[in-house]
Amino acid sequence: HPGTLFMTNLRLLWEPCSDPPVHTDEAPAPVSVPIFSIERLHKRKLTSVASADAEVLLELLQKYGARSSLSVLVAASHEQQLSAHVHYYLETPTRAEQPRANVNKSFAVLHASVAARDQALVPSQQRSATARCYDPEVEFHRQGLNNPLSHWRITRLNENYELCSTYPALLVVPRAVSDDDVVRAAAFRSGRRLPVLCWKDAYGVASICRSSQPMVGMPKSRSAHDEDLLQAIVDTNPFGEQLQIIDCRPRVNAQLNHAKGKGYEHAAEYKNTNLLFMGIENIHVMR
């Protein structure tokens, strides 16, 4: 199918022509491939003639053994340009100005600066309606947290990012836990990333929470406030008797963290929990 291939500092985007060939039953959908998901490029020349106009089949292979997510037929001269640009973004940085090392040139920062500029051009009377693309309170309402019967509540303890600098301003915790207990529980978690709600079934009681590892350490320290917080999470589901804790690390890594004053939840202290290690290696191995 004929189409156009676009490249930004975020992704490669292929879009089909607006007028597909008459023999085509239906137009193909656009294909988007994030640049940093690309593991390698594979090219195959379709002719033995070496010229700038010779056609090359270029396949973009994504990480983790995925199949080619995009195959495009391009002129040899264009293939060289495209490959050079992709490798420019993917190469391991050796200088601060290279893309992967330059945060100020990242898509997130550049996009935010453009969005801020566009927002400044919006008339003040219309600005309140376009100030946010995402409103967490609206999302919480969608999940049913504003229901008086909900077992969860919103706390503004982190409104100024003083409770946990790496958590959002609004946090959702069990209604049975007071703000004072939330603060004390946070002190027992690495980076003060205490267990908070990430997702809840809008029509049920199933939920997913996230947190960092507890500060157990070699002496197997305990925190009554942290244990009570996990029990309160268990109690938000009247149909369940246990909290399934999923630790993404290998068990050995979690055990070694005891020497650093951290660790994992021990069943003897954290009642009504079941701990499962997923065995995912650290970020350096996964890269």
Protein backbone atom coordinates (compact mmCIF):
# COMPACT_ATOMS: atom_id res chain seq x y z
CA HIS A 1 0.00 0.00 0.00
CA PRO A 2 1.38 3.44 -0.84
CA GLY A 3 1.80 5.79 2.08
CA THR A 4 3.96 8.38 3.79
CA LEU A 5 6.53 7.71 6.51
CA PHE A 6 7.03 10.44 9.14
CA MET A 7 9.75 10.57 11.77
CA THR A 8 9.74 12.66 14.96
CA ASN A 9 11.90 12.55 18.07
CA LEU A 10 9.29 10.20 19.56
CA ARG A 11 8.23 7.75 16.87
CA LEU A 12 8.05 6.61 13.27
CA LEU A 13 4.56 6.99 11.85
CA TRP A 14 3.38 5.45 8.60
CA GLU A 15 0.12 6.75 7.18
CA PRO A 16 -1.61 5.31 4.08
CA CYS A 17 -2.42 7.55 1.16
CA SER A 18 -5.79 9.26 1.41
CA ASP A 19 -6.77 7.77 -1.97
CA PRO A 20 -6.11 4.01 -1.81
CA PRO A 21 -5.85 2.00 -5.03
CA VAL A 22 -9.21 1.07 -6.52
CA HIS A 23 -8.53 -2.65 -6.17
CA THR A 24 -8.01 -2.37 -2.38
CA ASP A 25 -10.92 -3.63 -0.28
CA GLU A 26 -10.17 -1.32 2.64
CA ALA A 27 -7.42 1.12 3.54
CA PRO A 28 -4.82 -0.12 6.07
CA ALA A 29 -4.58 1.57 9.45
CA PRO A 30 -1.69 3.89 10.32
CA VAL A 31 1.27 2.26 12.08
CA SER A 32 3.12 3.95 14.94
CA VAL A 33 6.48 2.66 16.21
CA PRO A 34 8.15 4.43 19.19
CA ILE A 35 11.78 5.07 18.31
CA PHE A 36 13.15 3.75 21.58
CA SER A 37 11.28 0.46 21.14
CA ILE A 38 13.33 -0.33 18.02
CA GLU A 39 16.04 -2.91 18.51
CA ARG A 40 17.45 -3.01 14.99
CA LEU A 41 16.75 -2.31 11.35
CA HIS A 42 16.90 -5.05 8.73
CA LYS A 43 17.19 -4.12 5.07
CA ARG A 44 16.94 -6.24 1.96
CA LYS A 45 17.74 -5.02 -1.53
CA LEU A 46 15.19 -6.08 -4.11
CA THR A 47 17.44 -5.46 -7.10
CA SER A 48 21.10 -6.15 -7.82
CA VAL A 49 21.48 -2.75 -9.49
CA ALA A 50 23.25 -0.27 -7.21
CA SER A 51 21.62 3.10 -7.66
CA ALA A 52 19.96 5.78 -5.55
CA ASP A 53 16.59 4.83 -7.06
CA ALA A 54 16.90 1.12 -6.27
CA GLU A 55 14.18 -0.11 -3.92
CA VAL A 56 15.01 -1.45 -0.46
CA LEU A 57 12.67 -3.34 1.86
CA LEU A 58 13.28 -1.93 5.33
CA GLU A 59 12.00 -3.80 8.39
CA LEU A 60 11.85 -2.26 11.85
CA LEU A 61 12.31 -4.93 14.52
CA GLN A 62 11.19 -4.06 18.05
CA LYS A 63 12.80 -5.17 21.31
CA TYR A 64 12.18 -8.37 23.27
CA GLY A 65 12.10 -10.62 20.22
CA ALA A 66 9.04 -8.99 18.70
CA ARG A 67 8.25 -9.49 15.04
CA SER A 68 8.84 -6.67 12.57
CA SER A 69 6.26 -4.05 13.41
CA LEU A 70 6.69 -2.10 10.19
CA SER A 71 7.99 -3.02 6.75
CA VAL A 72 8.37 -0.25 4.18
CA LEU A 73 9.63 -0.16 0.62
CA VAL A 74 11.84 2.88 0.10
CA ALA A 75 14.44 4.17 -2.34
CA ALA A 76 18.01 3.31 -1.40
CA SER A 77 18.91 6.97 -0.85
CA HIS A 78 15.97 7.44 1.51
CA GLU A 79 16.81 4.22 3.36
CA GLN A 80 20.29 5.52 4.16
CA GLN A 81 18.87 8.78 5.50
CA LEU A 82 16.24 7.02 7.59
CA SER A 83 18.68 4.49 9.04
CA ALA A 84 21.12 7.25 9.95
CA HIS A 85 18.42 9.23 11.79
CA VAL A 86 17.16 6.18 13.71
CA HIS A 87 20.68 5.20 14.77
CA TYR A 88 21.31 8.79 15.83
CA TYR A 89 18.53 8.47 18.40
CA LEU A 90 19.35 4.93 19.50
CA GLU A 91 23.13 5.06 19.87
CA THR A 92 24.58 4.97 23.37
CA PRO A 93 25.39 8.60 24.25
CA THR A 94 29.00 9.64 24.76
CA ARG A 95 28.30 13.38 24.83
CA ALA A 96 25.78 15.41 26.81
CA GLU A 97 24.18 16.90 23.70
CA GLN A 98 23.22 13.53 22.18
CA PRO A 99 19.47 12.70 22.19
CA ARG A 100 19.42 9.98 24.84
CA ALA A 101 21.49 12.12 27.24
CA ASN A 102 19.88 15.49 26.57
CA VAL A 103 16.69 15.73 28.63
CA ASN A 104 15.91 19.21 27.31
CA LYS A 105 15.68 17.80 23.79
CA SER A 106 13.42 14.91 24.76
CA PHE A 107 9.91 14.66 23.37
CA ALA A 108 8.30 15.23 26.78
CA VAL A 109 10.12 18.52 27.43
CA LEU A 110 9.71 19.86 23.90
CA HIS A 111 6.06 18.89 23.80
CA ALA A 112 5.42 20.58 27.15
CA SER A 113 7.06 23.81 25.98
CA VAL A 114 4.96 23.87 22.81
CA ALA A 115 1.80 23.09 24.80
CA ALA A 116 2.60 25.93 27.23
CA ARG A 117 3.11 28.32 24.32
CA ASP A 118 -0.17 27.29 22.70
CA GLN A 119 -1.96 27.62 26.05
CA ALA A 120 -0.73 31.19 26.37
CA LEU A 121 -2.43 32.00 23.05
CA VAL A 122 -5.82 30.79 24.29
CA PRO A 123 -8.13 33.62 25.42
CA SER A 124 -8.35 33.81 29.21
CA GLN A 125 -12.10 33.13 29.21
CA GLN A 126 -11.50 29.82 27.44
CA ARG A 127 -8.32 28.82 29.26
CA SER A 128 -9.96 27.07 32.22
CA ALA A 129 -11.63 24.57 29.90
CA THR A 130 -8.37 23.66 28.18
CA ALA A 131 -5.99 23.99 31.12
CA ARG A 132 -5.77 20.22 31.69
CA CYS A 133 -5.72 17.29 29.37
CA TYR A 134 -6.08 15.01 32.38
CA ASP A 135 -8.01 15.71 35.56
CA PRO A 136 -7.27 13.08 38.23
CA GLU A 137 -10.43 13.88 40.20
CA VAL A 138 -12.56 13.23 37.12
CA GLU A 139 -10.77 9.91 36.66
CA PHE A 140 -11.30 9.00 40.32
CA HIS A 141 -14.97 9.82 39.92
CA ARG A 142 -15.12 7.49 36.91
CA GLN A 143 -13.73 4.72 39.11
CA GLY A 144 -16.53 5.27 41.62
CA LEU A 145 -14.43 6.74 44.44
CA ASN A 146 -16.89 9.57 45.08
CA ASN A 147 -19.56 7.05 45.98
CA PRO A 148 -20.36 7.38 49.72
CA LEU A 149 -20.15 3.58 49.97
CA SER A 150 -16.65 3.51 48.51
CA HIS A 151 -13.90 2.11 50.75
CA TRP A 152 -11.41 4.60 49.27
CA ARG A 153 -10.83 8.33 49.63
CA ILE A 154 -8.67 11.05 48.10
CA THR A 155 -6.01 12.66 50.28
CA ARG A 156 -4.20 15.93 49.49
CA LEU A 157 -1.27 15.20 51.78
CA ASN A 158 1.06 15.24 48.78
CA GLU A 159 -0.36 18.39 47.21
CA ASN A 160 3.04 20.09 47.44
CA TYR A 161 4.98 16.85 46.87
CA GLU A 162 6.28 16.96 50.45
CA LEU A 163 5.05 13.51 51.48
CA CYS A 164 6.63 11.78 48.46
CA SER A 165 8.36 13.72 45.70
CA THR A 166 7.91 10.92 43.16
CA TYR A 167 4.15 10.45 43.66
CA PRO A 168 1.37 12.59 42.15
CA ALA A 169 -0.25 15.43 44.08
CA LEU A 170 -3.50 13.56 44.77
CA LEU A 171 -3.33 10.10 46.34
CA VAL A 172 -6.05 7.54 46.99
CA VAL A 173 -5.90 5.54 50.23
CA PRO A 174 -8.37 3.37 52.17
CA ARG A 175 -11.05 5.42 53.90
CA ALA A 176 -10.34 3.64 57.18
CA VAL A 177 -6.80 5.09 57.36
CA SER A 178 -6.30 8.62 58.71
CA ASP A 179 -3.89 11.14 57.20
CA ASP A 180 -1.66 10.88 60.27
CA ASP A 181 -1.36 7.13 59.79
CA VAL A 182 -0.66 7.62 56.08
CA VAL A 183 2.31 9.87 56.94
CA ARG A 184 3.66 7.34 59.43
CA ALA A 185 3.24 4.46 56.96
CA ALA A 186 5.11 6.42 54.28
CA ALA A 187 8.15 6.68 56.55
CA PHE A 188 8.52 2.87 56.43
CA ARG A 189 8.67 2.65 52.62
CA SER A 190 11.69 3.24 50.39
CA GLY A 191 11.47 6.76 48.97
CA ARG A 192 8.31 7.19 51.08
CA ARG A 193 6.36 5.52 48.27
CA LEU A 194 3.61 4.07 50.42
CA PRO A 195 0.88 1.72 49.09
CA VAL A 196 -1.68 3.82 47.17
CA LEU A 197 -4.43 3.03 44.69
CA CYS A 198 -3.59 2.95 40.96
CA TRP A 199 -6.77 1.45 39.52
CA LYS A 200 -10.17 0.30 40.70
CA ASP A 201 -13.01 -1.47 38.93
CA ALA A 202 -15.66 1.23 38.48
CA TYR A 203 -18.46 -1.29 39.14
CA GLY A 204 -16.80 -3.60 41.66
CA VAL A 205 -14.24 -3.81 44.43
CA ALA A 206 -11.20 -5.17 42.57
CA SER A 207 -8.24 -2.82 42.80
CA ILE A 208 -4.53 -2.48 42.03
CA CYS A 209 -2.15 -0.58 44.31
CA ARG A 210 1.53 0.22 44.01
CA SER A 211 4.34 0.89 46.47
CA SER A 212 8.07 0.57 46.99
CA GLN A 213 9.75 -1.99 49.23
CA PRO A 214 9.39 -1.76 53.01
CA MET A 215 12.34 -0.69 55.16
CA VAL A 216 12.64 -4.04 56.89
CA GLY A 217 16.43 -4.42 56.94
CA MET A 218 18.50 -7.10 58.62
CA PRO A 219 16.77 -6.81 62.03
CA LYS A 220 13.39 -7.30 60.32
CA SER A 221 12.01 -4.01 61.55
CA ARG A 222 8.26 -3.55 61.66
CA SER A 223 5.79 -0.70 61.29
CA ALA A 224 2.33 -1.10 62.76
CA HIS A 225 1.09 1.74 60.56
CA ASP A 226 2.37 0.08 57.38
CA GLU A 227 0.88 -3.28 58.38
CA ASP A 228 -2.43 -1.61 59.22
CA LEU A 229 -2.45 0.16 55.84
CA LEU A 230 -2.08 -3.15 53.99
CA GLN A 231 -4.80 -4.70 56.13
CA ALA A 232 -7.05 -1.75 55.30
CA ILE A 233 -6.43 -2.46 51.60
CA VAL A 234 -7.44 -6.09 52.20
CA ASP A 235 -10.63 -4.87 53.88
CA THR A 236 -11.67 -2.80 50.83
CA ASN A 237 -12.63 -6.09 49.19
CA PRO A 238 -15.31 -7.83 51.27
CA PHE A 239 -15.15 -10.84 48.94
CA GLY A 240 -11.45 -11.47 49.43
CA GLU A 241 -9.50 -12.61 52.47
CA GLN A 242 -5.95 -12.09 51.19
CA LEU A 243 -3.94 -9.34 49.53
CA GLN A 244 -1.85 -10.59 46.62
CA ILE A 245 1.51 -8.82 46.72
CA ILE A 246 3.46 -9.03 43.45
CA ASP A 247 7.16 -8.23 43.85
CA CYS A 248 8.66 -7.79 40.39
CA ARG A 249 12.20 -8.62 41.55
CA PRO A 250 13.87 -12.02 41.83
CA ARG A 251 13.68 -13.30 45.42
CA VAL A 252 17.50 -13.21 45.72
CA ASN A 253 17.62 -9.51 44.88
CA ALA A 254 14.93 -8.76 47.46
CA GLN A 255 16.81 -10.72 50.11
CA LEU A 256 20.07 -8.91 49.34
CA ASN A 257 18.30 -5.59 49.88
CA HIS A 258 17.94 -6.50 53.55
CA ALA A 259 21.59 -5.47 53.91
CA LYS A 260 20.64 -2.01 52.60
CA GLY A 261 17.91 -1.58 55.18
CA LYS A 262 15.13 -2.59 52.78
CA GLY A 263 13.58 -5.93 51.81
CA TYR A 264 10.09 -7.31 51.37
CA GLU A 265 6.88 -8.09 53.25
CA HIS A 266 7.23 -11.12 55.52
CA ALA A 267 4.05 -13.16 55.91
CA ALA A 268 4.63 -13.49 59.67
CA GLU A 269 4.19 -9.74 60.10
CA TYR A 270 1.87 -8.91 57.21
CA LYS A 271 -1.20 -10.99 57.94
CA ASN A 272 -3.62 -11.96 55.17
CA THR A 273 -1.05 -11.41 52.40
CA ASN A 274 0.45 -13.68 49.79
CA LEU A 275 3.82 -12.68 48.28
CA LEU A 276 4.82 -13.68 44.75
CA PHE A 277 8.20 -12.83 43.17
CA MET A 278 8.14 -12.30 39.40
CA GLY A 279 11.88 -12.75 38.83
CA ILE A 280 12.38 -9.67 36.63
CA GLU A 281 16.02 -8.55 36.70
CA ASN A 282 17.07 -4.98 37.47
CA ILE A 283 16.87 -2.15 34.94
CA HIS A 284 20.48 -2.54 33.78
CA VAL A 285 19.96 -6.19 32.82
CA MET A 286 16.59 -5.50 31.18
CA ARG A 287 18.08 -2.78 28.98
